[in-house]
Amino acid sequence: FKVSLNTVSHALKVPRKAGIVLVSKKGIVVRDLEKFITLWATKRNLKKDIMYSAPANLAAYEIEKLMPGGIIWGAYSAYRFLYPEEPLPASYDKIYVYANESKLGELKKRFPTGLGKKTVESKVHIIRADAFMEKYGRIAPVAQILADLWNLPEWYAAEYYRALKNKIVQS
């Protein structure tokens, strides 16, 4: 990722103290993936990275069909696309996707915030994609999905978190 060694060293202070990673001259070894993701999830401020939210009077699957190309699926949708053959841990009505600033205009047109006087809860959440996110394809990395699910407020986020974590442990 072309990150300086000093930055990496600083970022790994807490994981090293907790025994989560082992740093040697040969490289870095993650000793406890679950603890590493949990540490990341507790430090993550997902709400800060949401750059746009909008209501939608549609079912989640319909919202997903309206998403433009160039977005990266996160949270519940990502789980569904990763494991299409399996039943979902729970039904969901919120869509979380990653996008860069250049996609924001198109997303705002497809999902405007003003739906008249009727108050509708936001169902579409656009998360700011970092510079590395596009390297992973159309679905966010599993560790990212887990950290995000940990941070989401919906009751069913815990169901998805447990199901995805179990899949990782089994593999």
N, C-alpha and C. Protein backbone atom coordinates (compact mmCIF):
# COMPACT_ATOMS: atom_id res chain seq x y z
N PHE A 1 0.81 -1.22 0.00
CA PHE A 1 0.00 0.00 0.00
C PHE A 1 0.85 1.28 0.00
N LYS A 2 2.16 1.09 -0.02
CA LYS A 2 3.09 2.22 -0.07
C LYS A 2 2.92 3.15 1.14
N VAL A 3 2.78 2.56 2.32
CA VAL A 3 2.68 3.31 3.57
C VAL A 3 4.04 3.27 4.25
N SER A 4 4.46 4.37 4.82
CA SER A 4 5.79 4.40 5.45
C SER A 4 5.87 3.43 6.63
N LEU A 5 7.05 2.90 6.86
CA LEU A 5 7.26 1.96 7.97
C LEU A 5 6.99 2.63 9.31
N ASN A 6 7.28 3.91 9.42
CA ASN A 6 7.01 4.65 10.65
C ASN A 6 5.51 4.67 10.95
N THR A 7 4.70 4.88 9.92
CA THR A 7 3.25 4.89 10.09
C THR A 7 2.75 3.52 10.52
N VAL A 8 3.27 2.48 9.88
CA VAL A 8 2.88 1.12 10.22
C VAL A 8 3.27 0.80 11.66
N SER A 9 4.48 1.16 12.02
CA SER A 9 4.96 0.90 13.38
C SER A 9 4.08 1.59 14.42
N HIS A 10 3.74 2.83 14.16
CA HIS A 10 2.87 3.58 15.09
C HIS A 10 1.48 2.94 15.17
N ALA A 11 0.95 2.53 14.03
CA ALA A 11 -0.39 1.93 14.01
C ALA A 11 -0.45 0.60 14.74
N LEU A 12 0.68 -0.07 14.84
CA LEU A 12 0.71 -1.39 15.47
C LEU A 12 1.10 -1.38 16.94
N LYS A 13 1.23 -0.20 17.53
CA LYS A 13 1.62 -0.13 18.95
C LYS A 13 0.66 -0.92 19.85
N VAL A 14 -0.61 -0.62 19.77
CA VAL A 14 -1.59 -1.28 20.64
C VAL A 14 -1.71 -2.76 20.31
N PRO A 15 -1.84 -3.14 19.02
CA PRO A 15 -1.91 -4.58 18.73
C PRO A 15 -0.67 -5.35 19.20
N ARG A 16 0.50 -4.73 19.14
CA ARG A 16 1.71 -5.41 19.62
C ARG A 16 1.65 -5.60 21.13
N LYS A 17 1.25 -4.57 21.86
CA LYS A 17 1.16 -4.68 23.32
C LYS A 17 0.15 -5.74 23.74
N ALA A 18 -0.91 -5.88 22.97
CA ALA A 18 -1.96 -6.85 23.29
C ALA A 18 -1.63 -8.25 22.78
N GLY A 19 -0.50 -8.40 22.11
CA GLY A 19 -0.12 -9.71 21.59
C GLY A 19 -0.93 -10.12 20.37
N ILE A 20 -1.56 -9.18 19.73
CA ILE A 20 -2.39 -9.48 18.57
C ILE A 20 -1.53 -9.69 17.33
N VAL A 21 -0.44 -8.92 17.23
CA VAL A 21 0.49 -9.06 16.10
C VAL A 21 1.90 -9.29 16.64
N LEU A 22 2.68 -9.95 15.83
CA LEU A 22 4.09 -10.17 16.14
C LEU A 22 4.89 -9.48 15.04
N VAL A 23 5.74 -8.55 15.44
CA VAL A 23 6.55 -7.80 14.49
C VAL A 23 7.99 -8.25 14.64
N SER A 24 8.56 -8.66 13.51
CA SER A 24 9.97 -9.08 13.51
C SER A 24 10.64 -8.52 12.25
N LYS A 25 11.91 -8.81 12.10
CA LYS A 25 12.64 -8.35 10.92
C LYS A 25 12.11 -9.01 9.64
N LYS A 26 11.48 -10.16 9.79
CA LYS A 26 10.93 -10.87 8.64
C LYS A 26 9.56 -10.33 8.21
N GLY A 27 8.93 -9.56 9.08
CA GLY A 27 7.62 -9.00 8.72
C GLY A 27 6.68 -8.96 9.90
N ILE A 28 5.41 -8.89 9.59
CA ILE A 28 4.35 -8.79 10.60
C ILE A 28 3.45 -10.01 10.47
N VAL A 29 3.16 -10.63 11.60
CA VAL A 29 2.28 -11.79 11.62
C VAL A 29 1.11 -11.46 12.54
N VAL A 30 -0.10 -11.63 12.02
CA VAL A 30 -1.28 -11.46 12.85
C VAL A 30 -1.48 -12.76 13.61
N ARG A 31 -1.37 -12.69 14.93
CA ARG A 31 -1.47 -13.89 15.77
C ARG A 31 -2.92 -14.20 16.15
N ASP A 32 -3.75 -13.18 16.22
CA ASP A 32 -5.14 -13.38 16.62
C ASP A 32 -6.03 -12.46 15.78
N LEU A 33 -6.53 -13.01 14.67
CA LEU A 33 -7.32 -12.23 13.73
C LEU A 33 -8.60 -11.67 14.37
N GLU A 34 -9.25 -12.48 15.19
CA GLU A 34 -10.49 -12.04 15.83
C GLU A 34 -10.23 -10.84 16.75
N LYS A 35 -9.19 -10.91 17.55
CA LYS A 35 -8.85 -9.78 18.43
C LYS A 35 -8.47 -8.54 17.61
N PHE A 36 -7.77 -8.76 16.50
CA PHE A 36 -7.36 -7.65 15.65
C PHE A 36 -8.58 -6.93 15.08
N ILE A 37 -9.53 -7.68 14.55
CA ILE A 37 -10.74 -7.08 13.98
C ILE A 37 -11.57 -6.42 15.07
N THR A 38 -11.66 -7.04 16.24
CA THR A 38 -12.42 -6.46 17.34
C THR A 38 -11.79 -5.15 17.79
N LEU A 39 -10.47 -5.11 17.89
CA LEU A 39 -9.79 -3.86 18.24
C LEU A 39 -10.09 -2.78 17.22
N TRP A 40 -9.99 -3.12 15.95
CA TRP A 40 -10.29 -2.17 14.88
C TRP A 40 -11.73 -1.69 14.98
N ALA A 41 -12.65 -2.63 15.19
CA ALA A 41 -14.07 -2.28 15.25
C ALA A 41 -14.36 -1.32 16.40
N THR A 42 -13.72 -1.52 17.53
CA THR A 42 -13.99 -0.64 18.68
C THR A 42 -13.40 0.75 18.47
N LYS A 43 -12.36 0.86 17.67
CA LYS A 43 -11.74 2.16 17.39
C LYS A 43 -12.43 2.88 16.23
N ARG A 44 -13.09 2.14 15.37
CA ARG A 44 -13.71 2.70 14.16
C ARG A 44 -14.87 3.61 14.51
N ASN A 45 -14.95 4.73 13.80
CA ASN A 45 -16.07 5.66 13.94
C ASN A 45 -16.80 5.71 12.61
N LEU A 46 -17.65 4.73 12.38
CA LEU A 46 -18.35 4.61 11.10
C LEU A 46 -19.23 5.82 10.81
N LYS A 47 -19.88 6.31 11.82
CA LYS A 47 -20.79 7.45 11.64
C LYS A 47 -20.06 8.64 11.02
N LYS A 48 -18.81 8.84 11.41
CA LYS A 48 -18.01 9.95 10.89
C LYS A 48 -17.74 9.79 9.40
N ASP A 49 -17.67 8.55 8.92
CA ASP A 49 -17.35 8.29 7.53
C ASP A 49 -18.56 8.27 6.61
N ILE A 50 -19.77 8.35 7.16
CA ILE A 50 -20.96 8.41 6.32
C ILE A 50 -21.07 9.82 5.76
N MET A 51 -20.95 9.93 4.43
CA MET A 51 -20.97 11.25 3.82
C MET A 51 -22.33 11.64 3.27
N TYR A 52 -23.26 10.68 3.22
CA TYR A 52 -24.60 11.00 2.73
C TYR A 52 -25.57 9.92 3.18
N SER A 53 -26.75 10.33 3.61
CA SER A 53 -27.84 9.41 3.94
C SER A 53 -29.12 9.95 3.34
N ALA A 54 -29.97 9.05 2.91
CA ALA A 54 -31.23 9.48 2.29
C ALA A 54 -32.33 8.46 2.60
N PRO A 55 -33.56 8.94 2.65
CA PRO A 55 -34.69 8.02 2.82
C PRO A 55 -35.02 7.36 1.48
N ALA A 56 -35.73 6.29 1.53
CA ALA A 56 -36.20 5.63 0.31
C ALA A 56 -37.43 4.81 0.67
N ASN A 57 -38.49 4.98 -0.10
CA ASN A 57 -39.72 4.21 0.13
C ASN A 57 -39.69 2.92 -0.68
N LEU A 58 -38.60 2.20 -0.57
CA LEU A 58 -38.42 0.97 -1.33
C LEU A 58 -37.86 -0.12 -0.42
N ALA A 59 -38.05 -1.36 -0.85
CA ALA A 59 -37.44 -2.48 -0.13
C ALA A 59 -35.94 -2.48 -0.40
N ALA A 60 -35.20 -3.11 0.47
CA ALA A 60 -33.73 -3.14 0.35
C ALA A 60 -33.28 -3.66 -1.00
N TYR A 61 -33.88 -4.74 -1.49
CA TYR A 61 -33.47 -5.32 -2.77
C TYR A 61 -33.72 -4.35 -3.92
N GLU A 62 -34.79 -3.57 -3.83
CA GLU A 62 -35.09 -2.58 -4.87
C GLU A 62 -34.06 -1.45 -4.83
N ILE A 63 -33.67 -1.03 -3.64
CA ILE A 63 -32.64 0.00 -3.50
C ILE A 63 -31.33 -0.50 -4.10
N GLU A 64 -31.00 -1.75 -3.81
CA GLU A 64 -29.76 -2.33 -4.34
C GLU A 64 -29.75 -2.32 -5.87
N LYS A 65 -30.90 -2.59 -6.49
CA LYS A 65 -30.99 -2.58 -7.95
C LYS A 65 -30.75 -1.20 -8.53
N LEU A 66 -31.04 -0.16 -7.76
CA LEU A 66 -30.88 1.22 -8.24
C LEU A 66 -29.47 1.78 -8.06
N MET A 67 -28.60 1.03 -7.39
CA MET A 67 -27.25 1.51 -7.15
C MET A 67 -26.46 1.56 -8.47
N PRO A 68 -25.70 2.63 -8.66
CA PRO A 68 -24.90 2.73 -9.88
C PRO A 68 -23.66 1.84 -9.81
N GLY A 69 -23.03 1.64 -10.93
CA GLY A 69 -21.75 0.94 -10.95
C GLY A 69 -20.71 1.80 -10.22
N GLY A 70 -19.65 1.17 -9.79
CA GLY A 70 -18.58 1.91 -9.14
C GLY A 70 -18.72 2.07 -7.65
N ILE A 71 -19.80 1.52 -7.08
CA ILE A 71 -19.93 1.53 -5.62
C ILE A 71 -19.38 0.20 -5.10
N ILE A 72 -19.13 0.16 -3.80
CA ILE A 72 -18.64 -1.06 -3.17
C ILE A 72 -19.62 -1.44 -2.07
N TRP A 73 -20.12 -2.64 -2.16
CA TRP A 73 -21.14 -3.09 -1.21
C TRP A 73 -20.54 -3.27 0.18
N GLY A 74 -21.29 -2.83 1.18
CA GLY A 74 -20.89 -3.00 2.56
C GLY A 74 -22.01 -3.63 3.37
N ALA A 75 -21.73 -3.94 4.60
CA ALA A 75 -22.68 -4.41 5.61
C ALA A 75 -23.56 -5.56 5.11
N TYR A 76 -24.88 -5.37 5.21
CA TYR A 76 -25.84 -6.44 4.95
C TYR A 76 -25.85 -6.88 3.49
N SER A 77 -25.79 -5.92 2.58
CA SER A 77 -25.77 -6.25 1.15
C SER A 77 -24.51 -7.05 0.82
N ALA A 78 -23.38 -6.64 1.39
CA ALA A 78 -22.13 -7.36 1.14
C ALA A 78 -22.25 -8.81 1.59
N TYR A 79 -22.84 -9.02 2.75
CA TYR A 79 -23.03 -10.39 3.25
C TYR A 79 -23.88 -11.19 2.26
N ARG A 80 -24.96 -10.59 1.80
CA ARG A 80 -25.87 -11.28 0.87
C ARG A 80 -25.16 -11.64 -0.43
N PHE A 81 -24.31 -10.74 -0.94
CA PHE A 81 -23.59 -11.01 -2.18
C PHE A 81 -22.43 -11.99 -1.98
N LEU A 82 -21.84 -12.00 -0.80
CA LEU A 82 -20.77 -12.96 -0.51
C LEU A 82 -21.30 -14.38 -0.38
N TYR A 83 -22.51 -14.51 0.18
CA TYR A 83 -23.09 -15.83 0.45
C TYR A 83 -24.50 -15.92 -0.14
N PRO A 84 -24.62 -15.86 -1.46
CA PRO A 84 -25.95 -15.83 -2.09
C PRO A 84 -26.76 -17.11 -1.91
N GLU A 85 -26.07 -18.22 -1.69
CA GLU A 85 -26.77 -19.50 -1.59
C GLU A 85 -27.32 -19.78 -0.19
N GLU A 86 -26.96 -18.96 0.77
CA GLU A 86 -27.35 -19.23 2.15
C GLU A 86 -28.45 -18.29 2.62
N PRO A 87 -29.28 -18.77 3.55
CA PRO A 87 -30.31 -17.87 4.10
C PRO A 87 -29.65 -16.74 4.90
N LEU A 88 -30.28 -15.59 4.88
CA LEU A 88 -29.75 -14.43 5.62
C LEU A 88 -29.99 -14.60 7.11
N PRO A 89 -29.10 -14.06 7.95
CA PRO A 89 -29.29 -14.12 9.40
C PRO A 89 -30.57 -13.40 9.84
N ALA A 90 -30.96 -12.36 9.11
CA ALA A 90 -32.19 -11.60 9.39
C ALA A 90 -32.49 -10.76 8.16
N SER A 91 -33.75 -10.33 8.02
CA SER A 91 -34.05 -9.43 6.91
C SER A 91 -33.50 -8.05 7.27
N TYR A 92 -33.18 -7.27 6.26
CA TYR A 92 -32.61 -5.94 6.49
C TYR A 92 -33.31 -4.91 5.62
N ASP A 93 -33.29 -3.67 6.08
CA ASP A 93 -33.92 -2.60 5.30
C ASP A 93 -33.00 -1.40 5.09
N LYS A 94 -31.76 -1.49 5.54
CA LYS A 94 -30.78 -0.41 5.38
C LYS A 94 -29.70 -0.87 4.40
N ILE A 95 -29.26 0.05 3.56
CA ILE A 95 -28.22 -0.24 2.59
C ILE A 95 -27.02 0.65 2.88
N TYR A 96 -25.87 0.03 3.03
CA TYR A 96 -24.61 0.75 3.25
C TYR A 96 -23.68 0.40 2.10
N VAL A 97 -23.22 1.44 1.41
CA VAL A 97 -22.26 1.24 0.33
C VAL A 97 -21.11 2.22 0.48
N TYR A 98 -19.98 1.84 -0.06
CA TYR A 98 -18.82 2.71 -0.11
C TYR A 98 -18.77 3.35 -1.49
N ALA A 99 -18.41 4.62 -1.52
CA ALA A 99 -18.24 5.33 -2.79
C ALA A 99 -17.24 6.45 -2.59
N ASN A 100 -16.63 6.87 -3.68
CA ASN A 100 -15.75 8.03 -3.58
C ASN A 100 -16.55 9.29 -3.91
N GLU A 101 -15.95 10.42 -3.69
CA GLU A 101 -16.63 11.72 -3.87
C GLU A 101 -17.19 11.88 -5.28
N SER A 102 -16.52 11.31 -6.28
CA SER A 102 -16.97 11.48 -7.66
C SER A 102 -18.32 10.82 -7.92
N LYS A 103 -18.70 9.84 -7.15
CA LYS A 103 -19.99 9.15 -7.30
C LYS A 103 -21.13 9.83 -6.54
N LEU A 104 -20.78 10.73 -5.65
CA LEU A 104 -21.78 11.31 -4.75
C LEU A 104 -22.91 12.03 -5.49
N GLY A 105 -22.59 12.78 -6.53
CA GLY A 105 -23.62 13.49 -7.29
C GLY A 105 -24.65 12.55 -7.88
N GLU A 106 -24.19 11.48 -8.49
CA GLU A 106 -25.08 10.49 -9.08
C GLU A 106 -25.94 9.81 -8.01
N LEU A 107 -25.34 9.51 -6.88
CA LEU A 107 -26.09 8.87 -5.79
C LEU A 107 -27.16 9.81 -5.23
N LYS A 108 -26.84 11.09 -5.12
CA LYS A 108 -27.82 12.06 -4.63
C LYS A 108 -29.00 12.20 -5.59
N LYS A 109 -28.74 12.08 -6.89
CA LYS A 109 -29.84 12.14 -7.88
C LYS A 109 -30.74 10.92 -7.75
N ARG A 110 -30.14 9.77 -7.56
CA ARG A 110 -30.92 8.53 -7.46
C ARG A 110 -31.68 8.43 -6.14
N PHE A 111 -31.08 9.00 -5.09
CA PHE A 111 -31.66 8.91 -3.76
C PHE A 111 -31.70 10.31 -3.13
N PRO A 112 -32.66 11.14 -3.54
CA PRO A 112 -32.73 12.50 -2.98
C PRO A 112 -33.19 12.49 -1.52
N THR A 113 -32.82 13.54 -0.79
CA THR A 113 -33.20 13.60 0.62
C THR A 113 -34.62 14.09 0.82
N GLY A 114 -35.14 14.90 -0.08
CA GLY A 114 -36.48 15.45 0.10
C GLY A 114 -37.55 14.58 -0.51
N LEU A 115 -38.37 14.00 0.32
CA LEU A 115 -39.49 13.17 -0.17
C LEU A 115 -40.83 13.79 0.24
N GLY A 116 -40.90 15.08 0.24
CA GLY A 116 -42.14 15.74 0.64
C GLY A 116 -42.23 15.90 2.15
N LYS A 117 -43.44 16.10 2.65
CA LYS A 117 -43.65 16.35 4.07
C LYS A 117 -43.54 15.09 4.92
N LYS A 118 -43.79 13.95 4.30
CA LYS A 118 -43.76 12.70 5.05
C LYS A 118 -42.32 12.41 5.51
N THR A 119 -42.14 12.16 6.78
CA THR A 119 -40.83 11.84 7.32
C THR A 119 -40.56 10.36 7.13
N VAL A 120 -39.49 10.07 6.42
CA VAL A 120 -39.11 8.69 6.17
C VAL A 120 -37.70 8.49 6.68
N GLU A 121 -37.50 7.41 7.40
CA GLU A 121 -36.18 7.12 7.96
C GLU A 121 -35.18 6.84 6.84
N SER A 122 -33.94 7.27 7.04
CA SER A 122 -32.90 7.02 6.04
C SER A 122 -32.66 5.52 5.90
N LYS A 123 -32.62 5.09 4.66
CA LYS A 123 -32.35 3.69 4.37
C LYS A 123 -31.08 3.53 3.56
N VAL A 124 -30.64 4.60 2.91
CA VAL A 124 -29.46 4.57 2.06
C VAL A 124 -28.35 5.35 2.75
N HIS A 125 -27.21 4.69 2.95
CA HIS A 125 -26.08 5.34 3.61
C HIS A 125 -24.84 5.16 2.75
N ILE A 126 -24.23 6.28 2.38
CA ILE A 126 -23.04 6.26 1.54
C ILE A 126 -21.83 6.54 2.43
N ILE A 127 -20.92 5.60 2.47
CA ILE A 127 -19.72 5.70 3.30
C ILE A 127 -18.54 6.12 2.41
N ARG A 128 -17.76 7.05 2.89
CA ARG A 128 -16.59 7.51 2.14
C ARG A 128 -15.60 6.37 1.97
N ALA A 129 -15.29 6.04 0.73
CA ALA A 129 -14.33 4.98 0.44
C ALA A 129 -12.92 5.54 0.57
N ASP A 130 -12.03 4.76 1.18
CA ASP A 130 -10.64 5.21 1.25
C ASP A 130 -9.93 4.88 -0.06
N ALA A 131 -8.71 5.31 -0.19
CA ALA A 131 -7.96 5.16 -1.44
C ALA A 131 -7.71 3.70 -1.81
N PHE A 132 -7.75 2.79 -0.86
CA PHE A 132 -7.44 1.39 -1.12
C PHE A 132 -8.68 0.54 -1.40
N MET A 133 -9.84 1.05 -1.09
CA MET A 133 -11.07 0.25 -1.15
C MET A 133 -11.33 -0.34 -2.54
N GLU A 134 -11.08 0.43 -3.59
CA GLU A 134 -11.38 -0.05 -4.94
C GLU A 134 -10.52 -1.24 -5.34
N LYS A 135 -9.40 -1.45 -4.69
CA LYS A 135 -8.52 -2.57 -5.02
C LYS A 135 -9.16 -3.91 -4.67
N TYR A 136 -10.20 -3.89 -3.86
CA TYR A 136 -10.82 -5.13 -3.40
C TYR A 136 -12.01 -5.57 -4.25
N GLY A 137 -12.41 -4.77 -5.22
CA GLY A 137 -13.53 -5.15 -6.07
C GLY A 137 -14.84 -4.54 -5.63
N ARG A 138 -15.93 -5.21 -5.94
CA ARG A 138 -17.28 -4.68 -5.73
C ARG A 138 -17.82 -4.91 -4.33
N ILE A 139 -17.13 -5.72 -3.54
CA ILE A 139 -17.58 -6.01 -2.17
C ILE A 139 -16.44 -5.66 -1.22
N ALA A 140 -16.76 -4.99 -0.14
CA ALA A 140 -15.74 -4.61 0.84
C ALA A 140 -15.06 -5.86 1.40
N PRO A 141 -13.83 -5.73 1.85
CA PRO A 141 -13.15 -6.87 2.47
C PRO A 141 -13.91 -7.35 3.71
N VAL A 142 -13.84 -8.64 3.97
CA VAL A 142 -14.58 -9.24 5.09
C VAL A 142 -14.25 -8.55 6.41
N ALA A 143 -12.98 -8.24 6.66
CA ALA A 143 -12.61 -7.58 7.91
C ALA A 143 -13.30 -6.21 8.02
N GLN A 144 -13.39 -5.50 6.90
CA GLN A 144 -14.07 -4.20 6.88
C GLN A 144 -15.56 -4.38 7.19
N ILE A 145 -16.16 -5.38 6.59
CA ILE A 145 -17.59 -5.65 6.82
C ILE A 145 -17.83 -5.96 8.29
N LEU A 146 -16.98 -6.78 8.87
CA LEU A 146 -17.11 -7.12 10.30
C LEU A 146 -17.00 -5.87 11.18
N ALA A 147 -16.00 -5.04 10.91
CA ALA A 147 -15.83 -3.82 11.71
C ALA A 147 -17.04 -2.91 11.57
N ASP A 148 -17.58 -2.82 10.36
CA ASP A 148 -18.76 -1.98 10.15
C ASP A 148 -20.00 -2.55 10.84
N LEU A 149 -20.19 -3.85 10.72
CA LEU A 149 -21.35 -4.47 11.38
C LEU A 149 -21.29 -4.26 12.89
N TRP A 150 -20.11 -4.31 13.46
CA TRP A 150 -19.91 -4.07 14.89
C TRP A 150 -20.44 -2.69 15.27
N ASN A 151 -20.30 -1.73 14.37
CA ASN A 151 -20.63 -0.33 14.64
C ASN A 151 -22.04 0.08 14.26
N LEU A 152 -22.77 -0.74 13.54
CA LEU A 152 -24.10 -0.32 13.08
C LEU A 152 -25.14 -0.44 14.19
N PRO A 153 -26.11 0.49 14.19
CA PRO A 153 -27.08 0.53 15.29
C PRO A 153 -28.27 -0.42 15.16
N GLU A 154 -28.52 -0.96 13.97
CA GLU A 154 -29.71 -1.79 13.78
C GLU A 154 -29.60 -3.07 14.61
N TRP A 155 -30.72 -3.54 15.11
CA TRP A 155 -30.72 -4.73 15.96
C TRP A 155 -30.16 -5.94 15.23
N TYR A 156 -30.39 -6.01 13.93
CA TYR A 156 -29.95 -7.19 13.18
C TYR A 156 -28.46 -7.15 12.82
N ALA A 157 -27.77 -6.05 13.08
CA ALA A 157 -26.33 -5.98 12.83
C ALA A 157 -25.59 -7.06 13.62
N ALA A 158 -26.01 -7.30 14.83
CA ALA A 158 -25.37 -8.32 15.67
C ALA A 158 -25.55 -9.71 15.06
N GLU A 159 -26.71 -9.97 14.47
CA GLU A 159 -26.96 -11.27 13.83
C GLU A 159 -26.00 -11.47 12.65
N TYR A 160 -25.84 -10.43 11.84
CA TYR A 160 -24.94 -10.51 10.69
C TYR A 160 -23.49 -10.63 11.15
N TYR A 161 -23.13 -9.89 12.18
CA TYR A 161 -21.76 -9.94 12.70
C TYR A 161 -21.42 -11.37 13.14
N ARG A 162 -22.29 -11.97 13.94
CA ARG A 162 -22.04 -13.33 14.43
C ARG A 162 -21.95 -14.33 13.28
N ALA A 163 -22.88 -14.21 12.33
CA ALA A 163 -22.89 -15.15 11.20
C ALA A 163 -21.62 -15.04 10.37
N LEU A 164 -21.18 -13.80 10.09
CA LEU A 164 -19.98 -13.61 9.29
C LEU A 164 -18.73 -14.06 10.06
N LYS A 165 -18.69 -13.74 11.34
CA LYS A 165 -17.55 -14.18 12.16
C LYS A 165 -17.47 -15.71 12.19
N ASN A 166 -18.60 -16.37 12.31
CA ASN A 166 -18.61 -17.84 12.31
C ASN A 166 -18.11 -18.41 10.99
N LYS A 167 -18.42 -17.75 9.90
CA LYS A 167 -17.95 -18.21 8.60
C LYS A 167 -16.43 -18.11 8.50
N ILE A 168 -15.88 -17.06 9.06
CA ILE A 168 -14.43 -16.87 9.04
C ILE A 168 -13.75 -17.92 9.91
N VAL A 169 -14.30 -18.17 11.07
CA VAL A 169 -13.73 -19.15 12.00
C VAL A 169 -13.77 -20.54 11.39
N GLN A 170 -14.84 -20.86 10.66
CA GLN A 170 -14.98 -22.18 10.05
C GLN A 170 -14.00 -22.40 8.90
N SER A 171 -13.60 -21.33 8.22
CA SER A 171 -12.73 -21.51 7.05
C SER A 171 -11.27 -21.50 7.38
